[in-house]
Amino acid sequence: MSMNAFRLIGDTLHVFAITILLLKILRSKSCAGISGRSQILFALVYTTRYLDLNVYYSLYNTLMKILFITASYTALILIFWVYRTTYQHKKDVFLTEILIIPSFIMAIWFNHEFTPLEVSEDIFAD
């Protein structure tokens, strides 16, 4: 897999955004204004898309997968455990089910081969 300049720029901006999010939570000691439901969706996306860590493409690819998964679960821990008293549950009202349930159904219906890894990758794949 060759490095694409657009992918490198996109990954760099993505890592920068994740870093800003985590630093904002840690410095303010609050998760007010951050959607915990969105962070759950991010964690689900990264977990299902990057379950193929045993398939080696490149060191860069493997490290980015680990970084995205780790950062998303770190955000969840900060929001729902460390700073749970500052989480604004009543304002975080998006119905995540309207995204998760159809994605799950389509992943089962439309896949290349019916294996757990293939279905999990198709749930939130692009």
C-alpha atoms as a PDB file:
ATOM      1  CA  MET A   1       0.000   0.000   0.000  1.00  0.00           C
ATOM      2  CA  SER A   2       1.578   3.277  -1.067  1.00  0.00           C
ATOM      3  CA  MET A   3       1.131   6.478   0.901  1.00  0.00           C
ATOM      4  CA  ASN A   4      -1.437   8.827  -0.541  1.00  0.00           C
ATOM      5  CA  ALA A   5      -0.877  12.527   0.223  1.00  0.00           C
ATOM      6  CA  PHE A   6      -4.584  13.089   0.804  1.00  0.00           C
ATOM      7  CA  ARG A   7      -4.757  10.184   3.245  1.00  0.00           C
ATOM      8  CA  LEU A   8      -1.734  11.489   5.129  1.00  0.00           C
ATOM      9  CA  ILE A   9      -3.244  14.980   5.370  1.00  0.00           C
ATOM     10  CA  GLY A  10      -6.613  13.547   6.420  1.00  0.00           C
ATOM     11  CA  ASP A  11      -5.066  11.287   9.060  1.00  0.00           C
ATOM     12  CA  THR A  12      -2.966  14.165  10.394  1.00  0.00           C
ATOM     13  CA  LEU A  13      -6.013  16.414  10.735  1.00  0.00           C
ATOM     14  CA  HIS A  14      -7.977  13.570  12.310  1.00  0.00           C
ATOM     15  CA  VAL A  15      -5.274  12.907  14.907  1.00  0.00           C
ATOM     16  CA  PHE A  16      -5.072  16.652  15.563  1.00  0.00           C
ATOM     17  CA  ALA A  17      -8.856  16.818  16.153  1.00  0.00           C
ATOM     18  CA  ILE A  18      -8.788  13.812  18.487  1.00  0.00           C
ATOM     19  CA  THR A  19      -5.907  15.356  20.427  1.00  0.00           C
ATOM     20  CA  ILE A  20      -7.807  18.636  20.797  1.00  0.00           C
ATOM     21  CA  LEU A  21     -10.896  16.775  22.049  1.00  0.00           C
ATOM     22  CA  LEU A  22      -8.987  14.777  24.656  1.00  0.00           C
ATOM     23  CA  LEU A  23      -6.969  17.818  25.789  1.00  0.00           C
ATOM     24  CA  LYS A  24     -10.159  19.890  26.081  1.00  0.00           C
ATOM     25  CA  ILE A  25     -11.707  17.282  28.351  1.00  0.00           C
ATOM     26  CA  LEU A  26      -8.568  16.845  30.453  1.00  0.00           C
ATOM     27  CA  ARG A  27      -7.739  20.553  30.834  1.00  0.00           C
ATOM     28  CA  SER A  28     -11.271  21.670  31.654  1.00  0.00           C
ATOM     29  CA  LYS A  29     -11.949  18.541  33.734  1.00  0.00           C
ATOM     30  CA  SER A  30     -15.360  18.511  32.088  1.00  0.00           C
ATOM     31  CA  CYS A  31     -17.105  16.875  29.165  1.00  0.00           C
ATOM     32  CA  ALA A  32     -19.906  19.443  29.006  1.00  0.00           C
ATOM     33  CA  GLY A  33     -20.936  20.103  25.423  1.00  0.00           C
ATOM     34  CA  ILE A  34     -19.516  16.848  24.081  1.00  0.00           C
ATOM     35  CA  SER A  35     -21.910  14.241  22.755  1.00  0.00           C
ATOM     36  CA  GLY A  36     -21.255  10.947  24.480  1.00  0.00           C
ATOM     37  CA  ARG A  37     -23.509   9.233  21.959  1.00  0.00           C
ATOM     38  CA  SER A  38     -21.349  10.483  19.083  1.00  0.00           C
ATOM     39  CA  GLN A  39     -18.268   9.166  20.849  1.00  0.00           C
ATOM     40  CA  ILE A  40     -19.971   5.773  21.237  1.00  0.00           C
ATOM     41  CA  LEU A  41     -20.631   5.778  17.490  1.00  0.00           C
ATOM     42  CA  PHE A  42     -16.983   6.659  16.781  1.00  0.00           C
ATOM     43  CA  ALA A  43     -15.840   3.792  19.005  1.00  0.00           C
ATOM     44  CA  LEU A  44     -18.210   1.392  17.225  1.00  0.00           C
ATOM     45  CA  VAL A  45     -17.010   2.529  13.804  1.00  0.00           C
ATOM     46  CA  TYR A  46     -13.314   2.207  14.659  1.00  0.00           C
ATOM     47  CA  THR A  47     -13.793  -1.124  16.400  1.00  0.00           C
ATOM     48  CA  THR A  48     -15.759  -2.701  13.570  1.00  0.00           C
ATOM     49  CA  ARG A  49     -13.648  -1.268  10.751  1.00  0.00           C
ATOM     50  CA  TYR A  50     -10.292  -2.047  12.315  1.00  0.00           C
ATOM     51  CA  LEU A  51     -10.883  -5.544  13.718  1.00  0.00           C
ATOM     52  CA  ASP A  52      -8.478  -6.844  11.091  1.00  0.00           C
ATOM     53  CA  LEU A  53      -5.392  -5.825  13.083  1.00  0.00           C
ATOM     54  CA  ASN A  54      -3.942  -9.278  12.461  1.00  0.00           C
ATOM     55  CA  VAL A  55      -3.790  -8.455   8.717  1.00  0.00           C
ATOM     56  CA  TYR A  56      -0.606  -6.454   8.244  1.00  0.00           C
ATOM     57  CA  TYR A  57      -0.527  -3.795   5.519  1.00  0.00           C
ATOM     58  CA  SER A  58       2.051  -1.404   6.907  1.00  0.00           C
ATOM     59  CA  LEU A  59       3.360  -0.146  10.225  1.00  0.00           C
ATOM     60  CA  TYR A  60       1.688   3.212   9.588  1.00  0.00           C
ATOM     61  CA  ASN A  61      -1.700   1.587   8.940  1.00  0.00           C
ATOM     62  CA  THR A  62      -1.476  -0.625  12.026  1.00  0.00           C
ATOM     63  CA  LEU A  63      -0.417   2.266  14.277  1.00  0.00           C
ATOM     64  CA  MET A  64      -3.212   4.501  13.001  1.00  0.00           C
ATOM     65  CA  LYS A  65      -5.796   1.777  13.635  1.00  0.00           C
ATOM     66  CA  ILE A  66      -4.518   1.289  17.184  1.00  0.00           C
ATOM     67  CA  LEU A  67      -4.445   5.057  17.758  1.00  0.00           C
ATOM     68  CA  PHE A  68      -8.028   5.587  16.576  1.00  0.00           C
ATOM     69  CA  ILE A  69      -9.385   2.685  18.628  1.00  0.00           C
ATOM     70  CA  THR A  70      -7.448   3.701  21.751  1.00  0.00           C
ATOM     71  CA  ALA A  71      -8.384   7.374  21.473  1.00  0.00           C
ATOM     72  CA  SER A  72     -12.076   6.620  21.001  1.00  0.00           C
ATOM     73  CA  TYR A  73     -12.229   4.393  24.071  1.00  0.00           C
ATOM     74  CA  THR A  74     -10.174   6.909  26.051  1.00  0.00           C
ATOM     75  CA  ALA A  75     -12.787   9.555  25.223  1.00  0.00           C
ATOM     76  CA  LEU A  76     -15.555   7.190  26.363  1.00  0.00           C
ATOM     77  CA  ILE A  77     -13.786   6.506  29.649  1.00  0.00           C
ATOM     78  CA  LEU A  78     -13.306  10.230  30.256  1.00  0.00           C
ATOM     79  CA  ILE A  79     -16.921  11.064  29.400  1.00  0.00           C
ATOM     80  CA  PHE A  80     -18.751   8.214  31.111  1.00  0.00           C
ATOM     81  CA  TRP A  81     -16.482   7.468  34.083  1.00  0.00           C
ATOM     82  CA  VAL A  82     -13.896  10.095  34.948  1.00  0.00           C
ATOM     83  CA  TYR A  83     -16.019  13.219  34.328  1.00  0.00           C
ATOM     84  CA  ARG A  84     -19.473  11.622  34.348  1.00  0.00           C
ATOM     85  CA  THR A  85     -20.865  14.300  36.671  1.00  0.00           C
ATOM     86  CA  THR A  86     -20.288  16.927  33.963  1.00  0.00           C
ATOM     87  CA  TYR A  87     -21.868  14.895  31.159  1.00  0.00           C
ATOM     88  CA  GLN A  88     -25.063  16.599  29.972  1.00  0.00           C
ATOM     89  CA  HIS A  89     -27.197  13.512  29.441  1.00  0.00           C
ATOM     90  CA  LYS A  90     -30.429  15.444  28.942  1.00  0.00           C
ATOM     91  CA  LYS A  91     -28.937  17.446  26.062  1.00  0.00           C
ATOM     92  CA  ASP A  92     -27.457  14.412  24.297  1.00  0.00           C
ATOM     93  CA  VAL A  93     -30.687  13.233  22.713  1.00  0.00           C
ATOM     94  CA  PHE A  94     -29.768  11.931  19.249  1.00  0.00           C
ATOM     95  CA  LEU A  95     -31.333   8.518  18.653  1.00  0.00           C
ATOM     96  CA  THR A  96     -28.280   6.456  17.762  1.00  0.00           C
ATOM     97  CA  GLU A  97     -30.536   3.495  17.085  1.00  0.00           C
ATOM     98  CA  ILE A  98     -31.654   5.060  13.788  1.00  0.00           C
ATOM     99  CA  LEU A  99     -28.062   4.662  12.574  1.00  0.00           C
ATOM    100  CA  ILE A 100     -26.999   1.441  14.272  1.00  0.00           C
ATOM    101  CA  ILE A 101     -29.973  -0.802  13.468  1.00  0.00           C
ATOM    102  CA  PRO A 102     -30.134  -0.103   9.691  1.00  0.00           C
ATOM    103  CA  SER A 103     -26.326  -0.370   9.457  1.00  0.00           C
ATOM    104  CA  PHE A 104     -26.413  -3.757  11.158  1.00  0.00           C
ATOM    105  CA  ILE A 105     -29.212  -5.028   8.906  1.00  0.00           C
ATOM    106  CA  MET A 106     -27.468  -3.844   5.732  1.00  0.00           C
ATOM    107  CA  ALA A 107     -24.156  -5.347   6.865  1.00  0.00           C
ATOM    108  CA  ILE A 108     -25.815  -8.734   7.189  1.00  0.00           C
ATOM    109  CA  TRP A 109     -27.747  -8.361   3.931  1.00  0.00           C
ATOM    110  CA  PHE A 110     -24.967  -6.901   1.735  1.00  0.00           C
ATOM    111  CA  ASN A 111     -21.564  -8.487   2.342  1.00  0.00           C
ATOM    112  CA  HIS A 112     -18.898 -10.251   0.319  1.00  0.00           C
ATOM    113  CA  GLU A 113     -18.824 -13.362   2.466  1.00  0.00           C
ATOM    114  CA  PHE A 114     -20.851 -14.197   5.526  1.00  0.00           C
ATOM    115  CA  THR A 115     -18.129 -14.229   8.194  1.00  0.00           C
ATOM    116  CA  PRO A 116     -18.139 -12.308  11.489  1.00  0.00           C
ATOM    117  CA  LEU A 117     -15.166 -10.169  10.421  1.00  0.00           C
ATOM    118  CA  GLU A 118     -16.706  -9.315   7.045  1.00  0.00           C
ATOM    119  CA  VAL A 119     -20.079  -8.424   8.550  1.00  0.00           C
ATOM    120  CA  SER A 120     -18.496  -6.322  11.306  1.00  0.00           C
ATOM    121  CA  GLU A 121     -16.410  -4.413   8.764  1.00  0.00           C
ATOM    122  CA  ASP A 122     -19.493  -3.784   6.621  1.00  0.00           C
ATOM    123  CA  ILE A 123     -21.565  -2.396   9.491  1.00  0.00           C
ATOM    124  CA  PHE A 124     -19.898   1.023   9.384  1.00  0.00           C
ATOM    125  CA  ALA A 125     -17.583   0.735   6.377  1.00  0.00           C
ATOM    126  CA  ASP A 126     -17.456   3.371   3.728  1.00  0.00           C
END
